[in-house]
Amino acid sequence: MEHFDVATARAEIARLRPLIDELITRRADAAELAAAQERGAPTALGGVPEFKAAQARLDEIVTEIQDAGVELKGLAPLLLDFPSEFDGVPVLLCWLEGDPDINWYHRRDLGFAGRRRLD
């Protein structure tokens, strides 16, 4: 398992930013296309082929993020965890969609509810 320190996690989130931005856009497109299919109403984004293409691209992006050693914990909102360790304690450096940078962490056993601000 990949381990990140704060600096490498921040560098990785910066490197992944174009993929993150695309994931957020594709996620919204897929949601709109799915809703249009359920209503049977057309959308400017297209139909079934475009929906399937959006889903396929989302899967590719998720795989690419996970291949970088990042744990994807939520898709809407996007929640990314970077495995780390503080003083021998397993933690996850935590980035939530909308955060400007990685400024939070939580112990692995506590989850999101145990989030604390990085010093």
PDB file of N, CA and C in Angstrom:
ATOM      1  N   MET A   1       0.839  -1.177   0.000  1.00  0.00           N
ATOM      2  CA  MET A   1       0.000   0.000   0.000  1.00  0.00           C
ATOM      3  C   MET A   1       0.885   1.241   0.000  1.00  0.00           C
ATOM      4  N   GLU A   2       0.548   2.161  -0.850  1.00  0.00           N
ATOM      5  CA  GLU A   2       1.244   3.449  -0.935  1.00  0.00           C
ATOM      6  C   GLU A   2       1.032   4.231   0.356  1.00  0.00           C
ATOM      7  N   HIS A   3       2.074   4.890   0.837  1.00  0.00           N
ATOM      8  CA  HIS A   3       1.957   5.797   1.979  1.00  0.00           C
ATOM      9  C   HIS A   3       2.404   7.179   1.530  1.00  0.00           C
ATOM     10  N   PHE A   4       1.663   8.169   1.943  1.00  0.00           N
ATOM     11  CA  PHE A   4       1.935   9.548   1.587  1.00  0.00           C
ATOM     12  C   PHE A   4       2.278  10.330   2.846  1.00  0.00           C
ATOM     13  N   ASP A   5       3.203  11.269   2.721  1.00  0.00           N
ATOM     14  CA  ASP A   5       3.317  12.269   3.766  1.00  0.00           C
ATOM     15  C   ASP A   5       2.490  13.470   3.278  1.00  0.00           C
ATOM     16  N   VAL A   6       2.371  14.481   4.090  1.00  0.00           N
ATOM     17  CA  VAL A   6       1.507  15.604   3.730  1.00  0.00           C
ATOM     18  C   VAL A   6       1.967  16.243   2.415  1.00  0.00           C
ATOM     19  N   ALA A   7       3.261  16.448   2.258  1.00  0.00           N
ATOM     20  CA  ALA A   7       3.777  17.095   1.043  1.00  0.00           C
ATOM     21  C   ALA A   7       3.494  16.265  -0.205  1.00  0.00           C
ATOM     22  N   THR A   8       3.725  14.947  -0.128  1.00  0.00           N
ATOM     23  CA  THR A   8       3.492  14.127  -1.322  1.00  0.00           C
ATOM     24  C   THR A   8       1.997  13.996  -1.615  1.00  0.00           C
ATOM     25  N   ALA A   9       1.165  13.978  -0.586  1.00  0.00           N
ATOM     26  CA  ALA A   9      -0.285  13.931  -0.814  1.00  0.00           C
ATOM     27  C   ALA A   9      -0.755  15.211  -1.489  1.00  0.00           C
ATOM     28  N   ARG A  10      -0.242  16.342  -1.039  1.00  0.00           N
ATOM     29  CA  ARG A  10      -0.623  17.619  -1.662  1.00  0.00           C
ATOM     30  C   ARG A  10      -0.136  17.690  -3.101  1.00  0.00           C
ATOM     31  N   ALA A  11       1.049  17.167  -3.370  1.00  0.00           N
ATOM     32  CA  ALA A  11       1.554  17.131  -4.744  1.00  0.00           C
ATOM     33  C   ALA A  11       0.687  16.216  -5.606  1.00  0.00           C
ATOM     34  N   GLU A  12       0.262  15.113  -5.026  1.00  0.00           N
ATOM     35  CA  GLU A  12      -0.566  14.159  -5.781  1.00  0.00           C
ATOM     36  C   GLU A  12      -1.948  14.745  -6.079  1.00  0.00           C
ATOM     37  N   ILE A  13      -2.550  15.463  -5.134  1.00  0.00           N
ATOM     38  CA  ILE A  13      -3.860  16.060  -5.387  1.00  0.00           C
ATOM     39  C   ILE A  13      -3.725  17.113  -6.484  1.00  0.00           C
ATOM     40  N   ALA A  14      -2.613  17.841  -6.494  1.00  0.00           N
ATOM     41  CA  ALA A  14      -2.375  18.823  -7.560  1.00  0.00           C
ATOM     42  C   ALA A  14      -2.228  18.127  -8.913  1.00  0.00           C
ATOM     43  N   ARG A  15      -1.508  17.015  -8.928  1.00  0.00           N
ATOM     44  CA  ARG A  15      -1.323  16.259 -10.173  1.00  0.00           C
ATOM     45  C   ARG A  15      -2.640  15.680 -10.669  1.00  0.00           C
ATOM     46  N   LEU A  16      -3.480  15.247  -9.730  1.00  0.00           N
ATOM     47  CA  LEU A  16      -4.760  14.627 -10.086  1.00  0.00           C
ATOM     48  C   LEU A  16      -5.858  15.647 -10.399  1.00  0.00           C
ATOM     49  N   ARG A  17      -5.618  16.926 -10.145  1.00  0.00           N
ATOM     50  CA  ARG A  17      -6.664  17.946 -10.285  1.00  0.00           C
ATOM     51  C   ARG A  17      -7.380  17.906 -11.638  1.00  0.00           C
ATOM     52  N   PRO A  18      -6.689  17.778 -12.770  1.00  0.00           N
ATOM     53  CA  PRO A  18      -7.428  17.696 -14.040  1.00  0.00           C
ATOM     54  C   PRO A  18      -8.379  16.490 -14.086  1.00  0.00           C
ATOM     55  N   LEU A  19      -7.950  15.353 -13.557  1.00  0.00           N
ATOM     56  CA  LEU A  19      -8.815  14.173 -13.502  1.00  0.00           C
ATOM     57  C   LEU A  19      -9.992  14.398 -12.562  1.00  0.00           C
ATOM     58  N   ILE A  20      -9.736  15.038 -11.426  1.00  0.00           N
ATOM     59  CA  ILE A  20     -10.795  15.326 -10.464  1.00  0.00           C
ATOM     60  C   ILE A  20     -11.840  16.239 -11.102  1.00  0.00           C
ATOM     61  N   ASP A  21     -11.379  17.281 -11.778  1.00  0.00           N
ATOM     62  CA  ASP A  21     -12.302  18.201 -12.438  1.00  0.00           C
ATOM     63  C   ASP A  21     -13.125  17.487 -13.502  1.00  0.00           C
ATOM     64  N   GLU A  22     -12.479  16.606 -14.261  1.00  0.00           N
ATOM     65  CA  GLU A  22     -13.212  15.847 -15.272  1.00  0.00           C
ATOM     66  C   GLU A  22     -14.207  14.891 -14.627  1.00  0.00           C
ATOM     67  N   LEU A  23     -13.812  14.246 -13.534  1.00  0.00           N
ATOM     68  CA  LEU A  23     -14.722  13.340 -12.844  1.00  0.00           C
ATOM     69  C   LEU A  23     -15.978  14.082 -12.396  1.00  0.00           C
ATOM     70  N   ILE A  24     -15.820  15.264 -11.839  1.00  0.00           N
ATOM     71  CA  ILE A  24     -16.964  16.038 -11.361  1.00  0.00           C
ATOM     72  C   ILE A  24     -17.890  16.398 -12.523  1.00  0.00           C
ATOM     73  N   THR A  25     -17.310  16.786 -13.654  1.00  0.00           N
ATOM     74  CA  THR A  25     -18.120  17.114 -14.839  1.00  0.00           C
ATOM     75  C   THR A  25     -18.820  15.877 -15.383  1.00  0.00           C
ATOM     76  N   ARG A  26     -18.098  14.777 -15.530  1.00  0.00           N
ATOM     77  CA  ARG A  26     -18.694  13.526 -16.050  1.00  0.00           C
ATOM     78  C   ARG A  26     -19.765  12.988 -15.112  1.00  0.00           C
ATOM     79  N   ARG A  27     -19.558  13.140 -13.817  1.00  0.00           N
ATOM     80  CA  ARG A  27     -20.546  12.704 -12.830  1.00  0.00           C
ATOM     81  C   ARG A  27     -21.855  13.472 -13.028  1.00  0.00           C
ATOM     82  N   ALA A  28     -21.757  14.776 -13.211  1.00  0.00           N
ATOM     83  CA  ALA A  28     -22.949  15.600 -13.436  1.00  0.00           C
ATOM     84  C   ALA A  28     -23.622  15.235 -14.765  1.00  0.00           C
ATOM     85  N   ASP A  29     -22.817  15.022 -15.794  1.00  0.00           N
ATOM     86  CA  ASP A  29     -23.375  14.621 -17.096  1.00  0.00           C
ATOM     87  C   ASP A  29     -24.118  13.296 -16.976  1.00  0.00           C
ATOM     88  N   ALA A  30     -23.499  12.322 -16.295  1.00  0.00           N
ATOM     89  CA  ALA A  30     -24.125  11.000 -16.144  1.00  0.00           C
ATOM     90  C   ALA A  30     -25.437  11.114 -15.369  1.00  0.00           C
ATOM     91  N   ALA A  31     -25.462  11.953 -14.333  1.00  0.00           N
ATOM     92  CA  ALA A  31     -26.687  12.131 -13.552  1.00  0.00           C
ATOM     93  C   ALA A  31     -27.790  12.738 -14.416  1.00  0.00           C
ATOM     94  N   GLU A  32     -27.443  13.748 -15.217  1.00  0.00           N
ATOM     95  CA  GLU A  32     -28.437  14.380 -16.094  1.00  0.00           C
ATOM     96  C   GLU A  32     -28.936  13.407 -17.158  1.00  0.00           C
ATOM     97  N   LEU A  33     -28.030  12.658 -17.741  1.00  0.00           N
ATOM     98  CA  LEU A  33     -28.418  11.683 -18.769  1.00  0.00           C
ATOM     99  C   LEU A  33     -29.291  10.579 -18.172  1.00  0.00           C
ATOM    100  N   ALA A  34     -28.969  10.120 -16.967  1.00  0.00           N
ATOM    101  CA  ALA A  34     -29.771   9.086 -16.314  1.00  0.00           C
ATOM    102  C   ALA A  34     -31.170   9.604 -16.014  1.00  0.00           C
ATOM    103  N   ALA A  35     -31.258  10.829 -15.519  1.00  0.00           N
ATOM    104  CA  ALA A  35     -32.570  11.415 -15.222  1.00  0.00           C
ATOM    105  C   ALA A  35     -33.396  11.575 -16.489  1.00  0.00           C
ATOM    106  N   ALA A  36     -32.762  11.964 -17.572  1.00  0.00           N
ATOM    107  CA  ALA A  36     -33.473  12.120 -18.847  1.00  0.00           C
ATOM    108  C   ALA A  36     -34.004  10.772 -19.335  1.00  0.00           C
ATOM    109  N   GLN A  37     -33.213   9.725 -19.148  1.00  0.00           N
ATOM    110  CA  GLN A  37     -33.664   8.394 -19.560  1.00  0.00           C
ATOM    111  C   GLN A  37     -34.862   7.944 -18.742  1.00  0.00           C
ATOM    112  N   GLU A  38     -34.834   8.222 -17.437  1.00  0.00           N
ATOM    113  CA  GLU A  38     -35.953   7.823 -16.576  1.00  0.00           C
ATOM    114  C   GLU A  38     -37.243   8.543 -16.970  1.00  0.00           C
ATOM    115  N   ARG A  39     -37.131   9.797 -17.338  1.00  0.00           N
ATOM    116  CA  ARG A  39     -38.306  10.590 -17.736  1.00  0.00           C
ATOM    117  C   ARG A  39     -38.703  10.313 -19.179  1.00  0.00           C
ATOM    118  N   GLY A  40     -37.793   9.751 -19.933  1.00  0.00           N
ATOM    119  CA  GLY A  40     -38.053   9.561 -21.352  1.00  0.00           C
ATOM    120  C   GLY A  40     -38.009  10.873 -22.111  1.00  0.00           C
ATOM    121  N   ALA A  41     -37.373  11.860 -21.520  1.00  0.00           N
ATOM    122  CA  ALA A  41     -37.269  13.183 -22.136  1.00  0.00           C
ATOM    123  C   ALA A  41     -35.857  13.383 -22.668  1.00  0.00           C
ATOM    124  N   PRO A  42     -35.727  14.035 -23.783  1.00  0.00           N
ATOM    125  CA  PRO A  42     -34.396  14.256 -24.341  1.00  0.00           C
ATOM    126  C   PRO A  42     -33.605  15.280 -23.521  1.00  0.00           C
ATOM    127  N   THR A  43     -32.298  15.217 -23.662  1.00  0.00           N
ATOM    128  CA  THR A  43     -31.399  16.199 -23.065  1.00  0.00           C
ATOM    129  C   THR A  43     -30.387  16.615 -24.120  1.00  0.00           C
ATOM    130  N   ALA A  44     -29.876  17.816 -23.987  1.00  0.00           N
ATOM    131  CA  ALA A  44     -28.892  18.314 -24.950  1.00  0.00           C
ATOM    132  C   ALA A  44     -27.600  17.502 -24.905  1.00  0.00           C
ATOM    133  N   LEU A  45     -27.398  16.757 -23.817  1.00  0.00           N
ATOM    134  CA  LEU A  45     -26.185  15.951 -23.691  1.00  0.00           C
ATOM    135  C   LEU A  45     -26.232  14.671 -24.505  1.00  0.00           C
ATOM    136  N   GLY A  46     -27.421  14.242 -24.898  1.00  0.00           N
ATOM    137  CA  GLY A  46     -27.529  13.030 -25.693  1.00  0.00           C
ATOM    138  C   GLY A  46     -28.459  12.015 -25.071  1.00  0.00           C
ATOM    139  N   GLY A  47     -28.167  10.749 -25.351  1.00  0.00           N
ATOM    140  CA  GLY A  47     -29.026   9.665 -24.896  1.00  0.00           C
ATOM    141  C   GLY A  47     -28.223   8.515 -24.322  1.00  0.00           C
ATOM    142  N   VAL A  48     -28.680   7.312 -24.599  1.00  0.00           N
ATOM    143  CA  VAL A  48     -28.063   6.107 -24.037  1.00  0.00           C
ATOM    144  C   VAL A  48     -26.577   5.987 -24.387  1.00  0.00           C
ATOM    145  N   PRO A  49     -26.182   6.199 -25.641  1.00  0.00           N
ATOM    146  CA  PRO A  49     -24.748   6.054 -25.941  1.00  0.00           C
ATOM    147  C   PRO A  49     -23.872   7.021 -25.139  1.00  0.00           C
ATOM    148  N   GLU A  50     -24.349   8.250 -24.976  1.00  0.00           N
ATOM    149  CA  GLU A  50     -23.583   9.245 -24.229  1.00  0.00           C
ATOM    150  C   GLU A  50     -23.553   8.906 -22.736  1.00  0.00           C
ATOM    151  N   PHE A  51     -24.661   8.356 -22.241  1.00  0.00           N
ATOM    152  CA  PHE A  51     -24.707   7.921 -20.851  1.00  0.00           C
ATOM    153  C   PHE A  51     -23.695   6.804 -20.606  1.00  0.00           C
ATOM    154  N   LYS A  52     -23.673   5.820 -21.493  1.00  0.00           N
ATOM    155  CA  LYS A  52     -22.733   4.707 -21.357  1.00  0.00           C
ATOM    156  C   LYS A  52     -21.291   5.192 -21.478  1.00  0.00           C
ATOM    157  N   ALA A  53     -21.050   6.153 -22.359  1.00  0.00           N
ATOM    158  CA  ALA A  53     -19.702   6.708 -22.519  1.00  0.00           C
ATOM    159  C   ALA A  53     -19.285   7.458 -21.254  1.00  0.00           C
ATOM    160  N   ALA A  54     -20.207   8.215 -20.665  1.00  0.00           N
ATOM    161  CA  ALA A  54     -19.902   8.945 -19.432  1.00  0.00           C
ATOM    162  C   ALA A  54     -19.581   7.968 -18.303  1.00  0.00           C
ATOM    163  N   GLN A  55     -20.362   6.900 -18.184  1.00  0.00           N
ATOM    164  CA  GLN A  55     -20.113   5.889 -17.150  1.00  0.00           C
ATOM    165  C   GLN A  55     -18.754   5.220 -17.360  1.00  0.00           C
ATOM    166  N   ALA A  56     -18.443   4.889 -18.614  1.00  0.00           N
ATOM    167  CA  ALA A  56     -17.164   4.239 -18.911  1.00  0.00           C
ATOM    168  C   ALA A  56     -15.998   5.153 -18.561  1.00  0.00           C
ATOM    169  N   ARG A  57     -16.138   6.430 -18.891  1.00  0.00           N
ATOM    170  CA  ARG A  57     -15.056   7.373 -18.576  1.00  0.00           C
ATOM    171  C   ARG A  57     -14.923   7.558 -17.064  1.00  0.00           C
ATOM    172  N   LEU A  58     -16.043   7.602 -16.354  1.00  0.00           N
ATOM    173  CA  LEU A  58     -15.994   7.687 -14.890  1.00  0.00           C
ATOM    174  C   LEU A  58     -15.230   6.499 -14.313  1.00  0.00           C
ATOM    175  N   ASP A  59     -15.506   5.311 -14.812  1.00  0.00           N
ATOM    176  CA  ASP A  59     -14.802   4.111 -14.353  1.00  0.00           C
ATOM    177  C   ASP A  59     -13.300   4.221 -14.605  1.00  0.00           C
ATOM    178  N   GLU A  60     -12.916   4.747 -15.769  1.00  0.00           N
ATOM    179  CA  GLU A  60     -11.503   4.914 -16.098  1.00  0.00           C
ATOM    180  C   GLU A  60     -10.832   5.892 -15.134  1.00  0.00           C
ATOM    181  N   ILE A  61     -11.504   7.002 -14.848  1.00  0.00           N
ATOM    182  CA  ILE A  61     -10.939   8.011 -13.958  1.00  0.00           C
ATOM    183  C   ILE A  61     -10.782   7.441 -12.550  1.00  0.00           C
ATOM    184  N   VAL A  62     -11.805   6.749 -12.064  1.00  0.00           N
ATOM    185  CA  VAL A  62     -11.742   6.144 -10.736  1.00  0.00           C
ATOM    186  C   VAL A  62     -10.562   5.182 -10.648  1.00  0.00           C
ATOM    187  N   THR A  63     -10.391   4.358 -11.663  1.00  0.00           N
ATOM    188  CA  THR A  63      -9.280   3.403 -11.692  1.00  0.00           C
ATOM    189  C   THR A  63      -7.943   4.128 -11.674  1.00  0.00           C
ATOM    190  N   GLU A  64      -7.835   5.203 -12.436  1.00  0.00           N
ATOM    191  CA  GLU A  64      -6.580   5.949 -12.493  1.00  0.00           C
ATOM    192  C   GLU A  64      -6.250   6.568 -11.125  1.00  0.00           C
ATOM    193  N   ILE A  65      -7.248   7.087 -10.444  1.00  0.00           N
ATOM    194  CA  ILE A  65      -7.048   7.659  -9.112  1.00  0.00           C
ATOM    195  C   ILE A  65      -6.621   6.567  -8.131  1.00  0.00           C
ATOM    196  N   GLN A  66      -7.300   5.439  -8.163  1.00  0.00           N
ATOM    197  CA  GLN A  66      -6.968   4.343  -7.262  1.00  0.00           C
ATOM    198  C   GLN A  66      -5.591   3.761  -7.571  1.00  0.00           C
ATOM    199  N   ASP A  67      -5.222   3.721  -8.839  1.00  0.00           N
ATOM    200  CA  ASP A  67      -3.903   3.217  -9.216  1.00  0.00           C
ATOM    201  C   ASP A  67      -2.776   4.091  -8.667  1.00  0.00           C
ATOM    202  N   ALA A  68      -3.088   5.340  -8.327  1.00  0.00           N
ATOM    203  CA  ALA A  68      -2.098   6.248  -7.745  1.00  0.00           C
ATOM    204  C   ALA A  68      -1.918   5.988  -6.248  1.00  0.00           C
ATOM    205  N   GLY A  69      -2.671   5.025  -5.698  1.00  0.00           N
ATOM    206  CA  GLY A  69      -2.565   4.706  -4.282  1.00  0.00           C
ATOM    207  C   GLY A  69      -3.538   5.480  -3.412  1.00  0.00           C
ATOM    208  N   VAL A  70      -4.454   6.197  -4.052  1.00  0.00           N
ATOM    209  CA  VAL A  70      -5.436   7.013  -3.345  1.00  0.00           C
ATOM    210  C   VAL A  70      -6.707   6.186  -3.159  1.00  0.00           C
ATOM    211  N   GLU A  71      -7.305   6.299  -1.980  1.00  0.00           N
ATOM    212  CA  GLU A  71      -8.558   5.599  -1.695  1.00  0.00           C
ATOM    213  C   GLU A  71      -9.725   6.535  -2.002  1.00  0.00           C
ATOM    214  N   LEU A  72     -10.617   6.096  -2.873  1.00  0.00           N
ATOM    215  CA  LEU A  72     -11.798   6.871  -3.205  1.00  0.00           C
ATOM    216  C   LEU A  72     -12.921   6.403  -2.280  1.00  0.00           C
ATOM    217  N   LYS A  73     -13.344   7.276  -1.380  1.00  0.00           N
ATOM    218  CA  LYS A  73     -14.321   6.899  -0.367  1.00  0.00           C
ATOM    219  C   LYS A  73     -15.723   7.382  -0.684  1.00  0.00           C
ATOM    220  N   GLY A  74     -15.847   8.329  -1.590  1.00  0.00           N
ATOM    221  CA  GLY A  74     -17.165   8.827  -1.953  1.00  0.00           C
ATOM    222  C   GLY A  74     -17.106   9.482  -3.315  1.00  0.00           C
ATOM    223  N   LEU A  75     -18.203   9.363  -4.052  1.00  0.00           N
ATOM    224  CA  LEU A  75     -18.243   9.927  -5.399  1.00  0.00           C
ATOM    225  C   LEU A  75     -19.034  11.225  -5.452  1.00  0.00           C
ATOM    226  N   ALA A  76     -20.006  11.379  -4.576  1.00  0.00           N
ATOM    227  CA  ALA A  76     -20.823  12.597  -4.577  1.00  0.00           C
ATOM    228  C   ALA A  76     -21.210  12.930  -3.140  1.00  0.00           C
ATOM    229  N   PRO A  77     -20.497  13.784  -2.481  1.00  0.00           N
ATOM    230  CA  PRO A  77     -19.330  14.525  -2.966  1.00  0.00           C
ATOM    231  C   PRO A  77     -18.097  13.622  -3.035  1.00  0.00           C
ATOM    232  N   LEU A  78     -17.167  14.039  -3.850  1.00  0.00           N
ATOM    233  CA  LEU A  78     -15.933  13.290  -4.027  1.00  0.00           C
ATOM    234  C   LEU A  78     -15.110  13.364  -2.743  1.00  0.00           C
ATOM    235  N   LEU A  79     -14.710  12.207  -2.246  1.00  0.00           N
ATOM    236  CA  LEU A  79     -13.920  12.121  -1.024  1.00  0.00           C
ATOM    237  C   LEU A  79     -12.729  11.204  -1.291  1.00  0.00           C
ATOM    238  N   LEU A  80     -11.534  11.765  -1.144  1.00  0.00           N
ATOM    239  CA  LEU A  80     -10.302  11.022  -1.395  1.00  0.00           C
ATOM    240  C   LEU A  80      -9.483  10.944  -0.118  1.00  0.00           C
ATOM    241  N   ASP A  81      -8.956   9.757   0.162  1.00  0.00           N
ATOM    242  CA  ASP A  81      -8.099   9.540   1.320  1.00  0.00           C
ATOM    243  C   ASP A  81      -6.735   9.054   0.851  1.00  0.00           C
ATOM    244  N   PHE A  82      -5.709   9.586   1.504  1.00  0.00           N
ATOM    245  CA  PHE A  82      -4.327   9.257   1.194  1.00  0.00           C
ATOM    246  C   PHE A  82      -3.734   8.551   2.409  1.00  0.00           C
ATOM    247  N   PRO A  83      -3.457   7.252   2.317  1.00  0.00           N
ATOM    248  CA  PRO A  83      -2.911   6.518   3.459  1.00  0.00           C
ATOM    249  C   PRO A  83      -1.611   7.152   3.951  1.00  0.00           C
ATOM    250  N   SER A  84      -1.515   7.285   5.261  1.00  0.00           N
ATOM    251  CA  SER A  84      -0.345   7.884   5.879  1.00  0.00           C
ATOM    252  C   SER A  84      -0.175   7.296   7.276  1.00  0.00           C
ATOM    253  N   GLU A  85       0.739   7.883   8.027  1.00  0.00           N
ATOM    254  CA  GLU A  85       0.992   7.429   9.380  1.00  0.00           C
ATOM    255  C   GLU A  85       1.543   8.610  10.178  1.00  0.00           C
ATOM    256  N   PHE A  86       1.003   8.826  11.363  1.00  0.00           N
ATOM    257  CA  PHE A  86       1.516   9.840  12.281  1.00  0.00           C
ATOM    258  C   PHE A  86       1.919   9.141  13.568  1.00  0.00           C
ATOM    259  N   ASP A  87       3.180   9.236  13.913  1.00  0.00           N
ATOM    260  CA  ASP A  87       3.697   8.634  15.150  1.00  0.00           C
ATOM    261  C   ASP A  87       3.310   7.161  15.285  1.00  0.00           C
ATOM    262  N   GLY A  88       3.404   6.430  14.176  1.00  0.00           N
ATOM    263  CA  GLY A  88       3.106   5.008  14.186  1.00  0.00           C
ATOM    264  C   GLY A  88       1.628   4.656  14.133  1.00  0.00           C
ATOM    265  N   VAL A  89       0.774   5.664  14.060  1.00  0.00           N
ATOM    266  CA  VAL A  89      -0.675   5.434  14.013  1.00  0.00           C
ATOM    267  C   VAL A  89      -1.155   5.580  12.562  1.00  0.00           C
ATOM    268  N   PRO A  90      -1.829   4.556  12.013  1.00  0.00           N
ATOM    269  CA  PRO A  90      -2.345   4.669  10.645  1.00  0.00           C
ATOM    270  C   PRO A  90      -3.415   5.755  10.555  1.00  0.00           C
ATOM    271  N   VAL A  91      -3.212   6.675   9.628  1.00  0.00           N
ATOM    272  CA  VAL A  91      -4.173   7.752   9.395  1.00  0.00           C
ATOM    273  C   VAL A  91      -4.423   7.871   7.901  1.00  0.00           C
ATOM    274  N   LEU A  92      -5.438   8.630   7.588  1.00  0.00           N
ATOM    275  CA  LEU A  92      -5.753   8.953   6.203  1.00  0.00           C
ATOM    276  C   LEU A  92      -5.762  10.470   6.074  1.00  0.00           C
ATOM    277  N   LEU A  93      -4.953  10.990   5.171  1.00  0.00           N
ATOM    278  CA  LEU A  93      -5.006  12.399   4.836  1.00  0.00           C
ATOM    279  C   LEU A  93      -6.223  12.563   3.945  1.00  0.00           C
ATOM    280  N   CYS A  94      -7.069  13.502   4.275  1.00  0.00           N
ATOM    281  CA  CYS A  94      -8.427  13.525   3.738  1.00  0.00           C
ATOM    282  C   CYS A  94      -8.678  14.765   2.885  1.00  0.00           C
ATOM    283  N   TRP A  95      -9.184  14.563   1.682  1.00  0.00           N
ATOM    284  CA  TRP A  95      -9.579  15.664   0.798  1.00  0.00           C
ATOM    285  C   TRP A  95     -11.041  15.463   0.416  1.00  0.00           C
ATOM    286  N   LEU A  96     -11.850  16.482   0.646  1.00  0.00           N
ATOM    287  CA  LEU A  96     -13.267  16.470   0.317  1.00  0.00           C
ATOM    288  C   LEU A  96     -13.511  17.491  -0.781  1.00  0.00           C
ATOM    289  N   GLU A  97     -14.308  17.116  -1.767  1.00  0.00           N
ATOM    290  CA  GLU A  97     -14.653  18.020  -2.861  1.00  0.00           C
ATOM    291  C   GLU A  97     -14.981  19.404  -2.299  1.00  0.00           C
ATOM    292  N   GLY A  98     -14.348  20.408  -2.867  1.00  0.00           N
ATOM    293  CA  GLY A  98     -14.530  21.774  -2.403  1.00  0.00           C
ATOM    294  C   GLY A  98     -13.382  22.260  -1.531  1.00  0.00           C
ATOM    295  N   ASP A  99     -12.632  21.318  -0.932  1.00  0.00           N
ATOM    296  CA  ASP A  99     -11.469  21.723  -0.139  1.00  0.00           C
ATOM    297  C   ASP A  99     -10.406  22.287  -1.085  1.00  0.00           C
ATOM    298  N   PRO A 100      -9.757  23.389  -0.706  1.00  0.00           N
ATOM    299  CA  PRO A 100      -8.720  23.950  -1.579  1.00  0.00           C
ATOM    300  C   PRO A 100      -7.450  23.097  -1.608  1.00  0.00           C
ATOM    301  N   ASP A 101      -7.224  22.323  -0.547  1.00  0.00           N
ATOM    302  CA  ASP A 101      -6.014  21.512  -0.434  1.00  0.00           C
ATOM    303  C   ASP A 101      -6.280  20.412   0.594  1.00  0.00           C
ATOM    304  N   ILE A 102      -5.290  19.608   0.861  1.00  0.00           N
ATOM    305  CA  ILE A 102      -5.416  18.597   1.908  1.00  0.00           C
ATOM    306  C   ILE A 102      -5.075  19.273   3.233  1.00  0.00           C
ATOM    307  N   ASN A 103      -6.088  19.492   4.035  1.00  0.00           N
ATOM    308  CA  ASN A 103      -5.922  20.173   5.314  1.00  0.00           C
ATOM    309  C   ASN A 103      -6.470  19.362   6.485  1.00  0.00           C
ATOM    310  N   TRP A 104      -6.895  18.131   6.230  1.00  0.00           N
ATOM    311  CA  TRP A 104      -7.542  17.309   7.247  1.00  0.00           C
ATOM    312  C   TRP A 104      -6.952  15.905   7.236  1.00  0.00           C
ATOM    313  N   TYR A 105      -7.096  15.239   8.358  1.00  0.00           N
ATOM    314  CA  TYR A 105      -6.729  13.822   8.456  1.00  0.00           C
ATOM    315  C   TYR A 105      -7.666  13.178   9.469  1.00  0.00           C
ATOM    316  N   HIS A 106      -7.699  11.861   9.456  1.00  0.00           N
ATOM    317  CA  HIS A 106      -8.412  11.123  10.500  1.00  0.00           C
ATOM    318  C   HIS A 106      -7.736   9.775  10.681  1.00  0.00           C
ATOM    319  N   ARG A 107      -7.828   9.263  11.889  1.00  0.00           N
ATOM    320  CA  ARG A 107      -7.326   7.921  12.126  1.00  0.00           C
ATOM    321  C   ARG A 107      -8.121   6.957  11.257  1.00  0.00           C
ATOM    322  N   ARG A 108      -7.453   5.941  10.776  1.00  0.00           N
ATOM    323  CA  ARG A 108      -8.106   4.959   9.901  1.00  0.00           C
ATOM    324  C   ARG A 108      -9.302   4.323  10.594  1.00  0.00           C
ATOM    325  N   ASP A 109      -9.194   4.060  11.897  1.00  0.00           N
ATOM    326  CA  ASP A 109     -10.266   3.370  12.607  1.00  0.00           C
ATOM    327  C   ASP A 109     -11.435   4.287  12.973  1.00  0.00           C
ATOM    328  N   LEU A 110     -11.281   5.590  12.833  1.00  0.00           N
ATOM    329  CA  LEU A 110     -12.350   6.516  13.204  1.00  0.00           C
ATOM    330  C   LEU A 110     -13.181   6.993  12.012  1.00  0.00           C
ATOM    331  N   GLY A 111     -12.609   6.969  10.846  1.00  0.00           N
ATOM    332  CA  GLY A 111     -13.345   7.419   9.673  1.00  0.00           C
ATOM    333  C   GLY A 111     -13.558   8.922   9.657  1.00  0.00           C
ATOM    334  N   PHE A 112     -14.418   9.353   8.747  1.00  0.00           N
ATOM    335  CA  PHE A 112     -14.651  10.765   8.481  1.00  0.00           C
ATOM    336  C   PHE A 112     -15.083  11.526   9.728  1.00  0.00           C
ATOM    337  N   ALA A 113     -15.846  10.899  10.594  1.00  0.00           N
ATOM    338  CA  ALA A 113     -16.322  11.573  11.806  1.00  0.00           C
ATOM    339  C   ALA A 113     -15.174  11.991  12.713  1.00  0.00           C
ATOM    340  N   GLY A 114     -14.024  11.362  12.576  1.00  0.00           N
ATOM    341  CA  GLY A 114     -12.857  11.691  13.395  1.00  0.00           C
ATOM    342  C   GLY A 114     -11.898  12.676  12.742  1.00  0.00           C
ATOM    343  N   ARG A 115     -12.368  13.367  11.703  1.00  0.00           N
ATOM    344  CA  ARG A 115     -11.493  14.316  10.992  1.00  0.00           C
ATOM    345  C   ARG A 115     -10.961  15.404  11.920  1.00  0.00           C
ATOM    346  N   ARG A 116      -9.682  15.679  11.740  1.00  0.00           N
ATOM    347  CA  ARG A 116      -9.022  16.750  12.477  1.00  0.00           C
ATOM    348  C   ARG A 116      -8.196  17.573  11.489  1.00  0.00           C
ATOM    349  N   ARG A 117      -8.080  18.847  11.798  1.00  0.00           N
ATOM    350  CA  ARG A 117      -7.287  19.744  10.948  1.00  0.00           C
ATOM    351  C   ARG A 117      -5.802  19.427  11.131  1.00  0.00           C
ATOM    352  N   LEU A 118      -5.074  19.420  10.021  1.00  0.00           N
ATOM    353  CA  LEU A 118      -3.615  19.257  10.083  1.00  0.00           C
ATOM    354  C   LEU A 118      -2.995  20.481  10.742  1.00  0.00           C
ATOM    355  N   ASP A 119      -1.946  20.283  11.504  1.00  0.00           N
ATOM    356  CA  ASP A 119      -1.248  21.411  12.145  1.00  0.00           C
ATOM    357  C   ASP A 119      -0.493  22.198  11.103  1.00  0.00           C
TER     358      ASP A 119
END
